[in-house]
Amino acid sequence: MSEDSFRFGQKRFFDDKNFPRGFSKSGEFTLSEAELLSLYGDTMQAFEAGDLEPETAEEKHFVKVLKHPNKANTKLEHVWLKYTKLTREPKKFHTLNSTTNKRVEQYEYVESPPEDEVA
């Protein structure tokens, strides 16, 4: 990916609603992914919203990837798909708890003779 193949955003991209401490401190993105999102996120968001028309081949491919995510090739495309998945799909949350409604079996302690005393 050359610098001329994909336009930088007009401003740095932030998402304070979903990532209030920033992309790099969220634990969801690597440092390089966070940097790519910050630099190109504004442009990628404009492509997705239809506010910006693609000019280069890479930008045109990115717009196609928005419709067909399984065709993602570049790091930018993968990072944007990861970002949209994290922000638009509900997080899976698993709890570990027990209910008191279940019947608890009672065990009695029965003393048995040691094995060497058994006849």
C-alpha atoms as a PDB file:
ATOM      1  CA  MET A   1       0.000   0.000   0.000  1.00  0.00           C
ATOM      2  CA  SER A   2       1.571   3.255  -1.060  1.00  0.00           C
ATOM      3  CA  GLU A   3       0.687   6.584   0.492  1.00  0.00           C
ATOM      4  CA  ASP A   4      -0.907   7.793  -2.735  1.00  0.00           C
ATOM      5  CA  SER A   5      -3.158   4.763  -3.163  1.00  0.00           C
ATOM      6  CA  PHE A   6      -5.490   5.562  -0.241  1.00  0.00           C
ATOM      7  CA  ARG A   7      -6.272   9.082   0.950  1.00  0.00           C
ATOM      8  CA  PHE A   8      -5.590  10.191   4.497  1.00  0.00           C
ATOM      9  CA  GLY A   9      -8.573  11.454   6.448  1.00  0.00           C
ATOM     10  CA  GLN A  10      -9.264  15.166   6.670  1.00  0.00           C
ATOM     11  CA  LYS A  11      -8.768  14.821  10.418  1.00  0.00           C
ATOM     12  CA  ARG A  12      -7.661  12.123  12.826  1.00  0.00           C
ATOM     13  CA  PHE A  13     -10.385   9.573  13.441  1.00  0.00           C
ATOM     14  CA  PHE A  14     -11.642   9.034  16.994  1.00  0.00           C
ATOM     15  CA  ASP A  15     -14.594   7.134  18.409  1.00  0.00           C
ATOM     16  CA  ASP A  16     -15.014   8.402  21.953  1.00  0.00           C
ATOM     17  CA  LYS A  17     -18.387   6.695  22.322  1.00  0.00           C
ATOM     18  CA  ASN A  18     -17.098   3.143  21.823  1.00  0.00           C
ATOM     19  CA  PHE A  19     -13.420   3.635  22.660  1.00  0.00           C
ATOM     20  CA  PRO A  20     -13.236   6.483  25.205  1.00  0.00           C
ATOM     21  CA  ARG A  21      -9.553   5.845  26.002  1.00  0.00           C
ATOM     22  CA  GLY A  22      -8.569   5.585  22.338  1.00  0.00           C
ATOM     23  CA  PHE A  23      -8.046   2.677  19.986  1.00  0.00           C
ATOM     24  CA  SER A  24      -4.569   1.787  21.207  1.00  0.00           C
ATOM     25  CA  LYS A  25      -5.558   1.591  24.884  1.00  0.00           C
ATOM     26  CA  SER A  26      -8.770  -0.335  24.284  1.00  0.00           C
ATOM     27  CA  GLY A  27      -7.032  -3.703  24.119  1.00  0.00           C
ATOM     28  CA  GLU A  28      -8.932  -4.569  20.936  1.00  0.00           C
ATOM     29  CA  PHE A  29      -6.429  -3.236  18.379  1.00  0.00           C
ATOM     30  CA  THR A  30      -2.687  -3.552  17.956  1.00  0.00           C
ATOM     31  CA  LEU A  31      -0.653  -0.338  17.887  1.00  0.00           C
ATOM     32  CA  SER A  32      -0.339  -0.462  14.090  1.00  0.00           C
ATOM     33  CA  GLU A  33      -4.083  -1.093  13.678  1.00  0.00           C
ATOM     34  CA  ALA A  34      -4.859   1.833  15.981  1.00  0.00           C
ATOM     35  CA  GLU A  35      -2.558   4.084  13.947  1.00  0.00           C
ATOM     36  CA  LEU A  36      -4.172   3.005  10.658  1.00  0.00           C
ATOM     37  CA  LEU A  37      -7.632   3.707  12.082  1.00  0.00           C
ATOM     38  CA  SER A  38      -6.569   7.125  13.322  1.00  0.00           C
ATOM     39  CA  LEU A  39      -5.026   8.129   9.991  1.00  0.00           C
ATOM     40  CA  TYR A  40      -7.475   6.596   7.510  1.00  0.00           C
ATOM     41  CA  GLY A  41     -10.654   6.088   9.564  1.00  0.00           C
ATOM     42  CA  ASP A  42     -12.198   9.395   8.526  1.00  0.00           C
ATOM     43  CA  THR A  43     -11.795   8.496   4.843  1.00  0.00           C
ATOM     44  CA  MET A  44     -13.082   4.938   5.335  1.00  0.00           C
ATOM     45  CA  GLN A  45     -16.119   6.227   7.219  1.00  0.00           C
ATOM     46  CA  ALA A  46     -16.848   8.694   4.395  1.00  0.00           C
ATOM     47  CA  PHE A  47     -16.662   5.877   1.826  1.00  0.00           C
ATOM     48  CA  GLU A  48     -19.056   3.775   3.875  1.00  0.00           C
ATOM     49  CA  ALA A  49     -21.520   6.648   4.281  1.00  0.00           C
ATOM     50  CA  GLY A  50     -21.313   7.468   0.566  1.00  0.00           C
ATOM     51  CA  ASP A  51     -20.003  10.982   1.218  1.00  0.00           C
ATOM     52  CA  LEU A  52     -16.790  10.355  -0.724  1.00  0.00           C
ATOM     53  CA  GLU A  53     -16.243   8.792  -4.148  1.00  0.00           C
ATOM     54  CA  PRO A  54     -13.314   6.388  -4.623  1.00  0.00           C
ATOM     55  CA  GLU A  55     -10.575   7.578  -6.975  1.00  0.00           C
ATOM     56  CA  THR A  56      -7.839   4.939  -6.904  1.00  0.00           C
ATOM     57  CA  ALA A  57      -8.032   1.193  -7.482  1.00  0.00           C
ATOM     58  CA  GLU A  58      -7.431   0.511  -3.786  1.00  0.00           C
ATOM     59  CA  GLU A  59     -10.248   2.849  -2.764  1.00  0.00           C
ATOM     60  CA  LYS A  60     -12.600   1.196  -5.272  1.00  0.00           C
ATOM     61  CA  HIS A  61     -11.679  -2.210  -3.885  1.00  0.00           C
ATOM     62  CA  PHE A  62     -12.355  -0.944  -0.357  1.00  0.00           C
ATOM     63  CA  VAL A  63     -15.875   0.114  -1.367  1.00  0.00           C
ATOM     64  CA  LYS A  64     -16.451  -3.372  -2.840  1.00  0.00           C
ATOM     65  CA  VAL A  65     -15.201  -4.952   0.390  1.00  0.00           C
ATOM     66  CA  LEU A  66     -17.835  -3.008   2.326  1.00  0.00           C
ATOM     67  CA  LYS A  67     -20.473  -4.999   0.422  1.00  0.00           C
ATOM     68  CA  HIS A  68     -18.529  -8.285   0.379  1.00  0.00           C
ATOM     69  CA  PRO A  69     -16.380  -8.498   3.560  1.00  0.00           C
ATOM     70  CA  ASN A  70     -14.908 -11.894   2.664  1.00  0.00           C
ATOM     71  CA  LYS A  71     -12.918 -10.236  -0.175  1.00  0.00           C
ATOM     72  CA  ALA A  72     -10.769  -8.122   2.162  1.00  0.00           C
ATOM     73  CA  ASN A  73      -7.078  -8.156   1.206  1.00  0.00           C
ATOM     74  CA  THR A  74      -5.305  -5.164   2.710  1.00  0.00           C
ATOM     75  CA  LYS A  75      -4.618  -4.266   6.330  1.00  0.00           C
ATOM     76  CA  LEU A  76      -6.849  -1.213   5.992  1.00  0.00           C
ATOM     77  CA  GLU A  77      -9.791  -3.340   4.905  1.00  0.00           C
ATOM     78  CA  HIS A  78      -9.267  -5.844   7.712  1.00  0.00           C
ATOM     79  CA  VAL A  79      -8.897  -3.089  10.317  1.00  0.00           C
ATOM     80  CA  TRP A  80     -12.091  -1.353   9.191  1.00  0.00           C
ATOM     81  CA  LEU A  81     -14.038  -4.638   9.227  1.00  0.00           C
ATOM     82  CA  LYS A  82     -12.695  -5.343  12.718  1.00  0.00           C
ATOM     83  CA  TYR A  83     -13.718  -1.854  13.862  1.00  0.00           C
ATOM     84  CA  THR A  84     -17.247  -2.195  12.448  1.00  0.00           C
ATOM     85  CA  LYS A  85     -17.641  -5.644  13.999  1.00  0.00           C
ATOM     86  CA  LEU A  86     -16.596  -4.360  17.421  1.00  0.00           C
ATOM     87  CA  THR A  87     -18.854  -1.305  17.276  1.00  0.00           C
ATOM     88  CA  ARG A  88     -21.977  -2.719  15.626  1.00  0.00           C
ATOM     89  CA  GLU A  89     -22.294  -6.257  16.921  1.00  0.00           C
ATOM     90  CA  PRO A  90     -23.219  -6.812  20.544  1.00  0.00           C
ATOM     91  CA  LYS A  91     -20.412  -8.106  22.689  1.00  0.00           C
ATOM     92  CA  LYS A  92     -20.711 -11.699  23.788  1.00  0.00           C
ATOM     93  CA  PHE A  93     -20.825 -11.866  27.539  1.00  0.00           C
ATOM     94  CA  HIS A  94     -20.583 -15.125  29.434  1.00  0.00           C
ATOM     95  CA  THR A  95     -21.369 -15.315  33.103  1.00  0.00           C
ATOM     96  CA  LEU A  96     -20.428 -17.962  35.592  1.00  0.00           C
ATOM     97  CA  ASN A  97     -23.103 -18.257  38.186  1.00  0.00           C
ATOM     98  CA  SER A  98     -25.178 -20.851  39.923  1.00  0.00           C
ATOM     99  CA  THR A  99     -28.803 -20.867  40.819  1.00  0.00           C
ATOM    100  CA  THR A 100     -30.187 -21.810  44.203  1.00  0.00           C
ATOM    101  CA  ASN A 101     -33.269 -23.362  42.636  1.00  0.00           C
ATOM    102  CA  LYS A 102     -31.431 -26.539  41.681  1.00  0.00           C
ATOM    103  CA  ARG A 103     -31.823 -29.465  44.012  1.00  0.00           C
ATOM    104  CA  VAL A 104     -28.661 -30.083  45.956  1.00  0.00           C
ATOM    105  CA  GLU A 105     -27.935 -33.704  46.700  1.00  0.00           C
ATOM    106  CA  GLN A 106     -27.197 -34.565  50.302  1.00  0.00           C
ATOM    107  CA  TYR A 107     -24.296 -36.865  51.098  1.00  0.00           C
ATOM    108  CA  GLU A 108     -23.760 -38.723  54.339  1.00  0.00           C
ATOM    109  CA  TYR A 109     -20.379 -39.549  55.728  1.00  0.00           C
ATOM    110  CA  VAL A 110     -20.029 -43.271  56.244  1.00  0.00           C
ATOM    111  CA  GLU A 111     -16.949 -44.590  57.917  1.00  0.00           C
ATOM    112  CA  SER A 112     -15.501 -47.684  56.303  1.00  0.00           C
ATOM    113  CA  PRO A 113     -12.721 -49.920  57.559  1.00  0.00           C
ATOM    114  CA  PRO A 114      -9.256 -49.525  56.008  1.00  0.00           C
ATOM    115  CA  GLU A 115      -8.564 -51.705  52.978  1.00  0.00           C
ATOM    116  CA  ASP A 116      -6.038 -53.956  54.723  1.00  0.00           C
ATOM    117  CA  GLU A 117      -8.656 -54.945  57.348  1.00  0.00           C
ATOM    118  CA  VAL A 118     -11.198 -56.070  54.755  1.00  0.00           C
ATOM    119  CA  ALA A 119     -11.511 -59.857  54.759  1.00  0.00           C
END
